[in-house]
Amino acid sequence: MLAMTLPSAPDAVAHPEADPDADLVRRAVAGDVRAFEVLYRSHAARIHGAMRRLCGGVEARAQELTQDAFVRAWEKLAGFRFESRFGTWLYRLAVNVALMDLRARRGGEDRESELDDAVVAQAAPRVADHRIDLERGVAALPPRARAVLVLHDIEGWTHEEIGAELGMAVGTSKAQLHRARGLLRRALGGSG
């Protein structure tokens, strides 16, 4: 696994009533827009960070996906069953929004293998003088390889979960992870 200090989704709670967001969620479900605004403000930065990593650091796209995730959360809030923390549910929903976007943009990804060397060449100059910029290296990866790497190595998803969400076989997920790690090593100046 990559040693990255990036926020991930909080763990599910044994007692959902211990969720600090529970009251706000109940109020928002009842139509209290201000309660949802408080939820937005408390979770937006973490959701935006995940969106930025999954979309390769493209800020405008990350902002758009963050907004899409919160719109989707508002639409599905009545279905929240308090079986986990709201933050966990929201994070998973947001990642699914980003993955649906990735699936919708698949058209240009058939050329990924042709782009591997160009991606590595673009990212390599950014790591001069042993200053490794892991975020930029991850952002430079081809979209599907980046998604698998982020979901597996940073978010802790299994290959089965990744395969189900991205519509790929478990073996393909494993191959994409291997490919992403190799590209990242090469981009960061290591042997690959």
N, C-alpha and C. Protein backbone atom coordinates (compact mmCIF):
# COMPACT_ATOMS: atom_id res chain seq x y z
N MET A 1 0.83 -1.18 0.00
CA MET A 1 0.00 0.00 0.00
C MET A 1 0.87 1.25 0.00
N LEU A 2 0.38 2.30 -0.61
CA LEU A 2 1.09 3.57 -0.59
C LEU A 2 1.00 4.19 0.79
N ALA A 3 2.07 4.80 1.22
CA ALA A 3 2.05 5.50 2.51
C ALA A 3 1.66 6.95 2.25
N MET A 4 0.37 7.21 2.29
CA MET A 4 -0.12 8.56 2.05
C MET A 4 -0.91 9.02 3.26
N THR A 5 -0.78 10.25 3.59
CA THR A 5 -1.54 10.80 4.69
C THR A 5 -2.68 11.62 4.10
N LEU A 6 -3.69 10.90 3.64
CA LEU A 6 -4.85 11.56 3.05
C LEU A 6 -6.08 11.09 3.80
N PRO A 7 -7.06 11.96 3.96
CA PRO A 7 -8.25 11.56 4.69
C PRO A 7 -9.02 10.49 3.93
N SER A 8 -9.63 9.61 4.66
CA SER A 8 -10.49 8.63 4.04
C SER A 8 -11.82 8.62 4.77
N ALA A 9 -12.70 7.78 4.31
CA ALA A 9 -14.02 7.73 4.93
C ALA A 9 -13.92 7.24 6.35
N PRO A 10 -14.70 7.82 7.27
CA PRO A 10 -14.69 7.36 8.64
C PRO A 10 -15.31 5.97 8.74
N ASP A 11 -14.97 5.25 9.78
CA ASP A 11 -15.50 3.91 9.99
C ASP A 11 -16.97 3.97 10.36
N ALA A 12 -17.66 2.89 10.05
CA ALA A 12 -19.05 2.77 10.47
C ALA A 12 -19.10 2.73 11.99
N VAL A 13 -20.19 3.13 12.54
CA VAL A 13 -20.32 3.16 13.99
C VAL A 13 -21.17 2.01 14.47
N ALA A 14 -20.81 1.46 15.64
CA ALA A 14 -21.58 0.38 16.22
C ALA A 14 -22.93 0.92 16.69
N HIS A 15 -22.96 2.15 17.16
CA HIS A 15 -24.19 2.78 17.64
C HIS A 15 -24.44 4.04 16.81
N PRO A 16 -25.26 3.90 15.76
CA PRO A 16 -25.47 5.05 14.88
C PRO A 16 -25.96 6.29 15.62
N GLU A 17 -26.62 6.12 16.77
CA GLU A 17 -27.08 7.29 17.49
C GLU A 17 -25.90 8.13 18.00
N ALA A 18 -24.69 7.55 18.03
CA ALA A 18 -23.50 8.28 18.44
C ALA A 18 -22.97 9.18 17.32
N ASP A 19 -23.59 9.12 16.16
CA ASP A 19 -23.19 9.93 15.03
C ASP A 19 -23.47 11.40 15.35
N PRO A 20 -22.43 12.24 15.34
CA PRO A 20 -22.65 13.66 15.66
C PRO A 20 -23.54 14.37 14.65
N ASP A 21 -23.73 13.79 13.47
CA ASP A 21 -24.55 14.40 12.43
C ASP A 21 -26.01 13.93 12.46
N ALA A 22 -26.33 12.99 13.33
CA ALA A 22 -27.65 12.36 13.30
C ALA A 22 -28.79 13.37 13.41
N ASP A 23 -28.69 14.31 14.34
CA ASP A 23 -29.77 15.28 14.51
C ASP A 23 -29.91 16.16 13.27
N LEU A 24 -28.77 16.60 12.72
CA LEU A 24 -28.81 17.41 11.51
C LEU A 24 -29.42 16.64 10.34
N VAL A 25 -29.11 15.37 10.24
CA VAL A 25 -29.67 14.55 9.16
C VAL A 25 -31.18 14.45 9.32
N ARG A 26 -31.63 14.19 10.53
CA ARG A 26 -33.08 14.08 10.77
C ARG A 26 -33.79 15.39 10.41
N ARG A 27 -33.18 16.50 10.80
CA ARG A 27 -33.77 17.81 10.49
C ARG A 27 -33.78 18.06 8.99
N ALA A 28 -32.68 17.68 8.31
CA ALA A 28 -32.61 17.88 6.86
C ALA A 28 -33.65 17.01 6.15
N VAL A 29 -33.83 15.79 6.60
CA VAL A 29 -34.83 14.90 6.00
C VAL A 29 -36.22 15.51 6.15
N ALA A 30 -36.44 16.21 7.26
CA ALA A 30 -37.73 16.86 7.50
C ALA A 30 -37.88 18.15 6.70
N GLY A 31 -36.86 18.50 5.91
CA GLY A 31 -36.94 19.66 5.05
C GLY A 31 -36.18 20.89 5.52
N ASP A 32 -35.40 20.77 6.58
CA ASP A 32 -34.63 21.90 7.11
C ASP A 32 -33.37 22.09 6.25
N VAL A 33 -33.44 23.05 5.34
CA VAL A 33 -32.33 23.31 4.41
C VAL A 33 -31.10 23.79 5.17
N ARG A 34 -31.31 24.57 6.22
CA ARG A 34 -30.16 25.07 7.00
C ARG A 34 -29.40 23.91 7.65
N ALA A 35 -30.08 22.89 8.09
CA ALA A 35 -29.40 21.72 8.66
C ALA A 35 -28.53 21.06 7.60
N PHE A 36 -29.05 20.96 6.37
CA PHE A 36 -28.25 20.38 5.29
C PHE A 36 -27.06 21.26 4.96
N GLU A 37 -27.23 22.57 5.04
CA GLU A 37 -26.11 23.48 4.81
C GLU A 37 -25.00 23.25 5.83
N VAL A 38 -25.36 22.99 7.08
CA VAL A 38 -24.37 22.70 8.11
C VAL A 38 -23.64 21.40 7.77
N LEU A 39 -24.40 20.39 7.35
CA LEU A 39 -23.78 19.13 6.94
C LEU A 39 -22.82 19.37 5.76
N TYR A 40 -23.25 20.17 4.81
CA TYR A 40 -22.40 20.49 3.66
C TYR A 40 -21.09 21.12 4.13
N ARG A 41 -21.20 22.15 4.96
CA ARG A 41 -19.99 22.85 5.40
C ARG A 41 -19.05 21.94 6.18
N SER A 42 -19.59 21.01 6.94
CA SER A 42 -18.71 20.16 7.75
C SER A 42 -18.08 19.02 6.94
N HIS A 43 -18.64 18.68 5.80
CA HIS A 43 -18.12 17.54 5.02
C HIS A 43 -17.55 17.92 3.66
N ALA A 44 -17.77 19.13 3.21
CA ALA A 44 -17.40 19.51 1.84
C ALA A 44 -15.90 19.38 1.55
N ALA A 45 -15.06 19.77 2.49
CA ALA A 45 -13.61 19.72 2.23
C ALA A 45 -13.13 18.29 2.01
N ARG A 46 -13.59 17.36 2.83
CA ARG A 46 -13.16 15.97 2.68
C ARG A 46 -13.69 15.37 1.37
N ILE A 47 -14.94 15.67 1.04
CA ILE A 47 -15.52 15.16 -0.20
C ILE A 47 -14.79 15.76 -1.40
N HIS A 48 -14.51 17.05 -1.34
CA HIS A 48 -13.78 17.70 -2.44
C HIS A 48 -12.40 17.07 -2.62
N GLY A 49 -11.72 16.76 -1.52
CA GLY A 49 -10.40 16.13 -1.62
C GLY A 49 -10.47 14.79 -2.33
N ALA A 50 -11.47 14.00 -2.01
CA ALA A 50 -11.63 12.71 -2.68
C ALA A 50 -11.93 12.91 -4.16
N MET A 51 -12.79 13.86 -4.47
CA MET A 51 -13.13 14.12 -5.87
C MET A 51 -11.89 14.58 -6.64
N ARG A 52 -11.09 15.43 -6.01
CA ARG A 52 -9.87 15.93 -6.67
C ARG A 52 -8.92 14.78 -6.97
N ARG A 53 -8.74 13.88 -6.03
CA ARG A 53 -7.85 12.74 -6.27
C ARG A 53 -8.39 11.85 -7.37
N LEU A 54 -9.70 11.58 -7.35
CA LEU A 54 -10.28 10.68 -8.33
C LEU A 54 -10.34 11.28 -9.73
N CYS A 55 -10.42 12.59 -9.85
CA CYS A 55 -10.48 13.19 -11.19
C CYS A 55 -9.12 13.71 -11.64
N GLY A 56 -8.07 13.34 -10.94
CA GLY A 56 -6.73 13.67 -11.40
C GLY A 56 -6.30 15.09 -11.13
N GLY A 57 -6.87 15.71 -10.11
CA GLY A 57 -6.43 17.04 -9.73
C GLY A 57 -7.01 18.17 -10.57
N VAL A 58 -7.98 17.86 -11.40
CA VAL A 58 -8.62 18.89 -12.22
C VAL A 58 -9.62 19.62 -11.33
N GLU A 59 -9.24 20.81 -10.90
CA GLU A 59 -10.01 21.55 -9.89
C GLU A 59 -11.45 21.82 -10.30
N ALA A 60 -11.68 22.27 -11.50
CA ALA A 60 -13.04 22.57 -11.94
C ALA A 60 -13.90 21.31 -11.92
N ARG A 61 -13.32 20.19 -12.37
CA ARG A 61 -14.06 18.92 -12.36
C ARG A 61 -14.32 18.47 -10.93
N ALA A 62 -13.35 18.63 -10.04
CA ALA A 62 -13.53 18.25 -8.64
C ALA A 62 -14.65 19.06 -7.99
N GLN A 63 -14.70 20.34 -8.29
CA GLN A 63 -15.77 21.17 -7.75
C GLN A 63 -17.13 20.74 -8.27
N GLU A 64 -17.18 20.45 -9.55
CA GLU A 64 -18.44 20.00 -10.15
C GLU A 64 -18.90 18.68 -9.54
N LEU A 65 -17.97 17.73 -9.39
CA LEU A 65 -18.32 16.44 -8.81
C LEU A 65 -18.72 16.57 -7.34
N THR A 66 -18.08 17.48 -6.62
CA THR A 66 -18.45 17.71 -5.23
C THR A 66 -19.90 18.21 -5.16
N GLN A 67 -20.23 19.16 -6.02
CA GLN A 67 -21.61 19.66 -6.04
C GLN A 67 -22.58 18.55 -6.44
N ASP A 68 -22.21 17.76 -7.44
CA ASP A 68 -23.06 16.65 -7.85
C ASP A 68 -23.30 15.68 -6.70
N ALA A 69 -22.25 15.42 -5.93
CA ALA A 69 -22.37 14.50 -4.80
C ALA A 69 -23.34 15.03 -3.75
N PHE A 70 -23.27 16.32 -3.46
CA PHE A 70 -24.18 16.88 -2.46
C PHE A 70 -25.61 16.97 -2.98
N VAL A 71 -25.78 17.21 -4.26
CA VAL A 71 -27.14 17.18 -4.83
C VAL A 71 -27.70 15.77 -4.70
N ARG A 72 -26.88 14.78 -5.05
CA ARG A 72 -27.32 13.39 -4.93
C ARG A 72 -27.62 13.04 -3.47
N ALA A 73 -26.80 13.53 -2.54
CA ALA A 73 -27.04 13.27 -1.11
C ALA A 73 -28.38 13.86 -0.68
N TRP A 74 -28.66 15.07 -1.12
CA TRP A 74 -29.94 15.71 -0.76
C TRP A 74 -31.11 14.87 -1.29
N GLU A 75 -30.98 14.38 -2.54
CA GLU A 75 -32.04 13.58 -3.14
C GLU A 75 -32.24 12.24 -2.44
N LYS A 76 -31.16 11.66 -1.93
CA LYS A 76 -31.23 10.33 -1.32
C LYS A 76 -31.27 10.35 0.21
N LEU A 77 -31.26 11.53 0.80
CA LEU A 77 -31.15 11.65 2.25
C LEU A 77 -32.26 10.91 2.99
N ALA A 78 -33.44 10.91 2.45
CA ALA A 78 -34.55 10.22 3.12
C ALA A 78 -34.30 8.72 3.22
N GLY A 79 -33.44 8.18 2.35
CA GLY A 79 -33.11 6.76 2.38
C GLY A 79 -31.97 6.40 3.33
N PHE A 80 -31.36 7.40 3.96
CA PHE A 80 -30.28 7.14 4.92
C PHE A 80 -30.88 6.42 6.12
N ARG A 81 -30.32 5.23 6.46
CA ARG A 81 -30.92 4.37 7.48
C ARG A 81 -30.18 4.39 8.81
N PHE A 82 -29.20 5.25 8.97
CA PHE A 82 -28.47 5.39 10.24
C PHE A 82 -27.77 4.09 10.64
N GLU A 83 -27.39 3.27 9.64
CA GLU A 83 -26.65 2.03 9.92
C GLU A 83 -25.15 2.31 10.01
N SER A 84 -24.74 3.48 9.60
CA SER A 84 -23.36 3.93 9.68
C SER A 84 -23.41 5.43 9.95
N ARG A 85 -22.24 6.00 10.14
CA ARG A 85 -22.19 7.46 10.29
C ARG A 85 -22.63 8.10 8.98
N PHE A 86 -23.24 9.26 9.10
CA PHE A 86 -23.62 10.01 7.91
C PHE A 86 -22.41 10.28 7.04
N GLY A 87 -21.28 10.63 7.65
CA GLY A 87 -20.06 10.93 6.90
C GLY A 87 -19.60 9.75 6.06
N THR A 88 -19.75 8.54 6.59
CA THR A 88 -19.39 7.33 5.85
C THR A 88 -20.30 7.16 4.65
N TRP A 89 -21.59 7.30 4.90
CA TRP A 89 -22.58 7.16 3.83
C TRP A 89 -22.34 8.21 2.74
N LEU A 90 -22.13 9.45 3.14
CA LEU A 90 -21.90 10.54 2.20
C LEU A 90 -20.64 10.31 1.39
N TYR A 91 -19.58 9.87 2.05
CA TYR A 91 -18.31 9.64 1.36
C TYR A 91 -18.46 8.56 0.30
N ARG A 92 -19.13 7.48 0.66
CA ARG A 92 -19.32 6.38 -0.30
C ARG A 92 -20.18 6.85 -1.48
N LEU A 93 -21.23 7.62 -1.18
CA LEU A 93 -22.08 8.15 -2.22
C LEU A 93 -21.27 9.05 -3.15
N ALA A 94 -20.42 9.90 -2.59
CA ALA A 94 -19.61 10.82 -3.39
C ALA A 94 -18.63 10.06 -4.28
N VAL A 95 -17.99 9.05 -3.74
CA VAL A 95 -17.06 8.25 -4.54
C VAL A 95 -17.83 7.58 -5.69
N ASN A 96 -19.04 7.11 -5.41
CA ASN A 96 -19.84 6.51 -6.47
C ASN A 96 -20.19 7.52 -7.55
N VAL A 97 -20.44 8.77 -7.17
CA VAL A 97 -20.69 9.82 -8.16
C VAL A 97 -19.47 9.98 -9.06
N ALA A 98 -18.29 10.02 -8.46
CA ALA A 98 -17.06 10.16 -9.25
C ALA A 98 -16.84 8.95 -10.15
N LEU A 99 -17.15 7.76 -9.65
CA LEU A 99 -16.97 6.56 -10.47
C LEU A 99 -17.96 6.50 -11.62
N MET A 100 -19.19 6.95 -11.38
CA MET A 100 -20.15 7.02 -12.49
C MET A 100 -19.66 7.99 -13.56
N ASP A 101 -19.07 9.10 -13.13
CA ASP A 101 -18.50 10.05 -14.06
C ASP A 101 -17.35 9.41 -14.85
N LEU A 102 -16.51 8.66 -14.16
CA LEU A 102 -15.40 7.98 -14.83
C LEU A 102 -15.92 6.99 -15.87
N ARG A 103 -16.94 6.22 -15.50
CA ARG A 103 -17.52 5.27 -16.46
C ARG A 103 -18.10 5.99 -17.67
N ALA A 104 -18.74 7.13 -17.44
CA ALA A 104 -19.35 7.89 -18.53
C ALA A 104 -18.30 8.46 -19.48
N ARG A 105 -17.10 8.68 -18.98
CA ARG A 105 -16.03 9.28 -19.79
C ARG A 105 -15.09 8.23 -20.37
N ARG A 106 -15.45 6.99 -20.36
CA ARG A 106 -14.57 5.90 -20.79
C ARG A 106 -14.13 5.98 -22.23
N GLY A 107 -14.84 6.66 -23.09
CA GLY A 107 -14.56 6.66 -24.52
C GLY A 107 -13.10 6.86 -24.89
N GLY A 108 -12.42 7.82 -24.31
CA GLY A 108 -11.05 8.10 -24.68
C GLY A 108 -10.02 7.25 -23.98
N GLU A 109 -10.46 6.33 -23.15
CA GLU A 109 -9.50 5.58 -22.37
C GLU A 109 -8.96 4.34 -23.07
N ASP A 110 -9.44 4.06 -24.25
CA ASP A 110 -8.87 2.93 -24.99
C ASP A 110 -7.43 3.24 -25.38
N ARG A 111 -7.07 4.52 -25.39
CA ARG A 111 -5.72 4.92 -25.77
C ARG A 111 -4.79 4.99 -24.57
N GLU A 112 -5.23 4.57 -23.38
CA GLU A 112 -4.41 4.71 -22.18
C GLU A 112 -3.02 4.13 -22.32
N SER A 113 -2.91 2.93 -22.89
CA SER A 113 -1.60 2.30 -22.97
C SER A 113 -0.65 3.10 -23.85
N GLU A 114 -1.19 3.78 -24.87
CA GLU A 114 -0.35 4.63 -25.72
C GLU A 114 0.13 5.85 -24.95
N LEU A 115 -0.63 6.27 -23.96
CA LEU A 115 -0.31 7.48 -23.23
C LEU A 115 0.61 7.26 -22.04
N ASP A 116 0.85 6.00 -21.64
CA ASP A 116 1.64 5.72 -20.44
C ASP A 116 2.97 6.44 -20.41
N ASP A 117 3.76 6.33 -21.48
CA ASP A 117 5.07 6.97 -21.49
C ASP A 117 4.97 8.48 -21.45
N ALA A 118 3.94 9.04 -22.12
CA ALA A 118 3.75 10.49 -22.07
C ALA A 118 3.39 10.95 -20.66
N VAL A 119 2.56 10.17 -19.97
CA VAL A 119 2.18 10.50 -18.59
C VAL A 119 3.40 10.49 -17.69
N VAL A 120 4.21 9.47 -17.81
CA VAL A 120 5.41 9.37 -16.98
C VAL A 120 6.37 10.51 -17.30
N ALA A 121 6.53 10.82 -18.58
CA ALA A 121 7.44 11.90 -18.97
C ALA A 121 6.96 13.25 -18.44
N GLN A 122 5.65 13.47 -18.42
CA GLN A 122 5.11 14.73 -17.90
C GLN A 122 5.31 14.83 -16.40
N ALA A 123 5.11 13.75 -15.67
CA ALA A 123 5.17 13.79 -14.21
C ALA A 123 6.60 13.79 -13.70
N ALA A 124 7.52 13.16 -14.39
CA ALA A 124 8.89 13.01 -13.90
C ALA A 124 9.61 14.32 -13.58
N PRO A 125 9.53 15.36 -14.40
CA PRO A 125 10.25 16.59 -14.07
C PRO A 125 9.77 17.23 -12.77
N ARG A 126 8.59 16.89 -12.33
CA ARG A 126 8.05 17.49 -11.12
C ARG A 126 8.67 16.94 -9.84
N VAL A 127 9.51 15.93 -9.96
CA VAL A 127 10.08 15.32 -8.76
C VAL A 127 11.58 15.52 -8.66
N ALA A 128 12.06 16.60 -9.21
CA ALA A 128 13.48 16.90 -9.16
C ALA A 128 13.93 17.11 -7.72
N ASP A 129 15.22 16.89 -7.48
CA ASP A 129 15.83 17.09 -6.15
C ASP A 129 15.18 16.24 -5.06
N HIS A 130 14.72 15.05 -5.41
CA HIS A 130 14.17 14.11 -4.44
C HIS A 130 12.92 14.61 -3.71
N ARG A 131 12.30 15.64 -4.21
CA ARG A 131 11.03 16.11 -3.63
C ARG A 131 9.91 15.39 -4.36
N ILE A 132 9.38 14.39 -3.74
CA ILE A 132 8.36 13.58 -4.40
C ILE A 132 6.99 14.22 -4.18
N ASP A 133 6.33 14.51 -5.25
CA ASP A 133 4.99 15.07 -5.18
C ASP A 133 4.02 13.95 -5.55
N LEU A 134 3.65 13.18 -4.55
CA LEU A 134 2.82 12.02 -4.77
C LEU A 134 1.45 12.40 -5.33
N GLU A 135 0.87 13.47 -4.85
CA GLU A 135 -0.44 13.89 -5.35
C GLU A 135 -0.38 14.15 -6.86
N ARG A 136 0.66 14.83 -7.32
CA ARG A 136 0.77 15.10 -8.76
C ARG A 136 1.03 13.82 -9.53
N GLY A 137 1.82 12.93 -8.95
CA GLY A 137 2.07 11.66 -9.61
C GLY A 137 0.79 10.86 -9.78
N VAL A 138 -0.03 10.82 -8.74
CA VAL A 138 -1.31 10.11 -8.82
C VAL A 138 -2.21 10.81 -9.83
N ALA A 139 -2.25 12.13 -9.81
CA ALA A 139 -3.09 12.88 -10.74
C ALA A 139 -2.69 12.64 -12.19
N ALA A 140 -1.43 12.35 -12.44
CA ALA A 140 -0.95 12.15 -13.81
C ALA A 140 -1.27 10.76 -14.35
N LEU A 141 -1.73 9.85 -13.51
CA LEU A 141 -2.06 8.50 -13.97
C LEU A 141 -3.27 8.52 -14.89
N PRO A 142 -3.37 7.54 -15.80
CA PRO A 142 -4.58 7.41 -16.62
C PRO A 142 -5.79 7.20 -15.71
N PRO A 143 -6.96 7.67 -16.10
CA PRO A 143 -8.12 7.71 -15.21
C PRO A 143 -8.50 6.40 -14.52
N ARG A 144 -8.59 5.30 -15.25
CA ARG A 144 -9.01 4.05 -14.61
C ARG A 144 -7.93 3.52 -13.68
N ALA A 145 -6.70 3.63 -14.09
CA ALA A 145 -5.60 3.18 -13.22
C ALA A 145 -5.57 4.04 -11.95
N ARG A 146 -5.77 5.34 -12.10
CA ARG A 146 -5.80 6.24 -10.95
C ARG A 146 -6.95 5.88 -10.02
N ALA A 147 -8.14 5.62 -10.59
CA ALA A 147 -9.30 5.28 -9.76
C ALA A 147 -9.04 4.02 -8.96
N VAL A 148 -8.49 2.99 -9.59
CA VAL A 148 -8.21 1.75 -8.87
C VAL A 148 -7.17 1.99 -7.79
N LEU A 149 -6.11 2.71 -8.10
CA LEU A 149 -5.07 3.00 -7.10
C LEU A 149 -5.65 3.76 -5.91
N VAL A 150 -6.40 4.81 -6.18
CA VAL A 150 -6.97 5.62 -5.09
C VAL A 150 -7.93 4.78 -4.27
N LEU A 151 -8.82 4.06 -4.92
CA LEU A 151 -9.80 3.28 -4.18
C LEU A 151 -9.17 2.15 -3.37
N HIS A 152 -8.18 1.48 -3.94
CA HIS A 152 -7.56 0.36 -3.24
C HIS A 152 -6.54 0.81 -2.20
N ASP A 153 -5.57 1.59 -2.62
CA ASP A 153 -4.44 1.92 -1.73
C ASP A 153 -4.72 3.06 -0.77
N ILE A 154 -5.62 3.95 -1.12
CA ILE A 154 -5.90 5.08 -0.24
C ILE A 154 -7.20 4.88 0.52
N GLU A 155 -8.24 4.45 -0.19
CA GLU A 155 -9.55 4.31 0.44
C GLU A 155 -9.78 2.94 1.07
N GLY A 156 -8.97 1.96 0.72
CA GLY A 156 -9.08 0.64 1.35
C GLY A 156 -10.15 -0.27 0.78
N TRP A 157 -10.61 0.00 -0.44
CA TRP A 157 -11.62 -0.85 -1.05
C TRP A 157 -10.97 -2.16 -1.48
N THR A 158 -11.77 -3.22 -1.56
CA THR A 158 -11.30 -4.50 -2.07
C THR A 158 -11.40 -4.49 -3.59
N HIS A 159 -10.71 -5.43 -4.23
CA HIS A 159 -10.80 -5.53 -5.69
C HIS A 159 -12.22 -5.90 -6.11
N GLU A 160 -12.91 -6.66 -5.28
CA GLU A 160 -14.29 -7.02 -5.59
C GLU A 160 -15.18 -5.77 -5.61
N GLU A 161 -15.01 -4.90 -4.62
CA GLU A 161 -15.79 -3.66 -4.58
C GLU A 161 -15.46 -2.76 -5.77
N ILE A 162 -14.18 -2.65 -6.07
CA ILE A 162 -13.74 -1.82 -7.19
C ILE A 162 -14.30 -2.36 -8.50
N GLY A 163 -14.18 -3.67 -8.68
CA GLY A 163 -14.69 -4.29 -9.89
C GLY A 163 -16.18 -4.05 -10.08
N ALA A 164 -16.93 -4.18 -8.99
CA ALA A 164 -18.37 -3.96 -9.06
C ALA A 164 -18.69 -2.51 -9.41
N GLU A 165 -17.99 -1.57 -8.82
CA GLU A 165 -18.26 -0.16 -9.05
C GLU A 165 -17.80 0.32 -10.42
N LEU A 166 -16.68 -0.21 -10.90
CA LEU A 166 -16.14 0.25 -12.19
C LEU A 166 -16.55 -0.66 -13.36
N GLY A 167 -17.30 -1.71 -13.06
CA GLY A 167 -17.74 -2.60 -14.13
C GLY A 167 -16.60 -3.36 -14.77
N MET A 168 -15.68 -3.86 -13.93
CA MET A 168 -14.54 -4.62 -14.45
C MET A 168 -14.38 -5.90 -13.63
N ALA A 169 -13.70 -6.86 -14.20
CA ALA A 169 -13.42 -8.10 -13.48
C ALA A 169 -12.40 -7.83 -12.37
N VAL A 170 -12.42 -8.68 -11.36
CA VAL A 170 -11.47 -8.55 -10.25
C VAL A 170 -10.04 -8.59 -10.77
N GLY A 171 -9.77 -9.48 -11.72
CA GLY A 171 -8.43 -9.57 -12.30
C GLY A 171 -8.02 -8.30 -13.02
N THR A 172 -8.97 -7.66 -13.67
CA THR A 172 -8.69 -6.39 -14.34
C THR A 172 -8.35 -5.31 -13.31
N SER A 173 -9.09 -5.31 -12.19
CA SER A 173 -8.80 -4.35 -11.13
C SER A 173 -7.38 -4.57 -10.60
N LYS A 174 -7.01 -5.81 -10.39
CA LYS A 174 -5.66 -6.11 -9.90
C LYS A 174 -4.60 -5.68 -10.92
N ALA A 175 -4.88 -5.93 -12.20
CA ALA A 175 -3.93 -5.54 -13.24
C ALA A 175 -3.81 -4.02 -13.32
N GLN A 176 -4.92 -3.31 -13.19
CA GLN A 176 -4.89 -1.84 -13.22
C GLN A 176 -4.11 -1.30 -12.02
N LEU A 177 -4.25 -1.94 -10.85
CA LEU A 177 -3.50 -1.50 -9.67
C LEU A 177 -2.01 -1.71 -9.89
N HIS A 178 -1.63 -2.86 -10.42
CA HIS A 178 -0.23 -3.13 -10.70
C HIS A 178 0.32 -2.11 -11.70
N ARG A 179 -0.45 -1.85 -12.73
CA ARG A 179 -0.06 -0.87 -13.75
C ARG A 179 0.10 0.52 -13.13
N ALA A 180 -0.88 0.92 -12.31
CA ALA A 180 -0.83 2.26 -11.69
C ALA A 180 0.38 2.40 -10.79
N ARG A 181 0.66 1.38 -10.00
CA ARG A 181 1.83 1.44 -9.11
C ARG A 181 3.12 1.55 -9.91
N GLY A 182 3.21 0.78 -11.00
CA GLY A 182 4.41 0.84 -11.84
C GLY A 182 4.59 2.20 -12.48
N LEU A 183 3.50 2.75 -13.02
CA LEU A 183 3.56 4.07 -13.62
C LEU A 183 3.93 5.13 -12.58
N LEU A 184 3.38 5.00 -11.39
CA LEU A 184 3.67 5.96 -10.34
C LEU A 184 5.13 5.88 -9.92
N ARG A 185 5.65 4.66 -9.79
CA ARG A 185 7.08 4.50 -9.46
C ARG A 185 7.95 5.16 -10.53
N ARG A 186 7.61 4.89 -11.79
CA ARG A 186 8.40 5.49 -12.89
C ARG A 186 8.28 7.01 -12.88
N ALA A 187 7.08 7.53 -12.65
CA ALA A 187 6.87 8.97 -12.64
C ALA A 187 7.62 9.64 -11.50
N LEU A 188 7.79 8.92 -10.39
CA LEU A 188 8.45 9.49 -9.23
C LEU A 188 9.94 9.19 -9.21
N GLY A 189 10.44 8.65 -10.31
CA GLY A 189 11.87 8.47 -10.45
C GLY A 189 12.40 7.14 -9.95
N GLY A 190 11.52 6.23 -9.59
CA GLY A 190 11.97 4.91 -9.14
C GLY A 190 12.04 3.96 -10.31
N SER A 191 12.51 2.76 -10.05
CA SER A 191 12.54 1.77 -11.13
C SER A 191 11.15 1.21 -11.31
N GLY A 192 10.78 0.89 -12.48
CA GLY A 192 9.42 0.44 -12.72
C GLY A 192 9.43 -0.66 -13.66
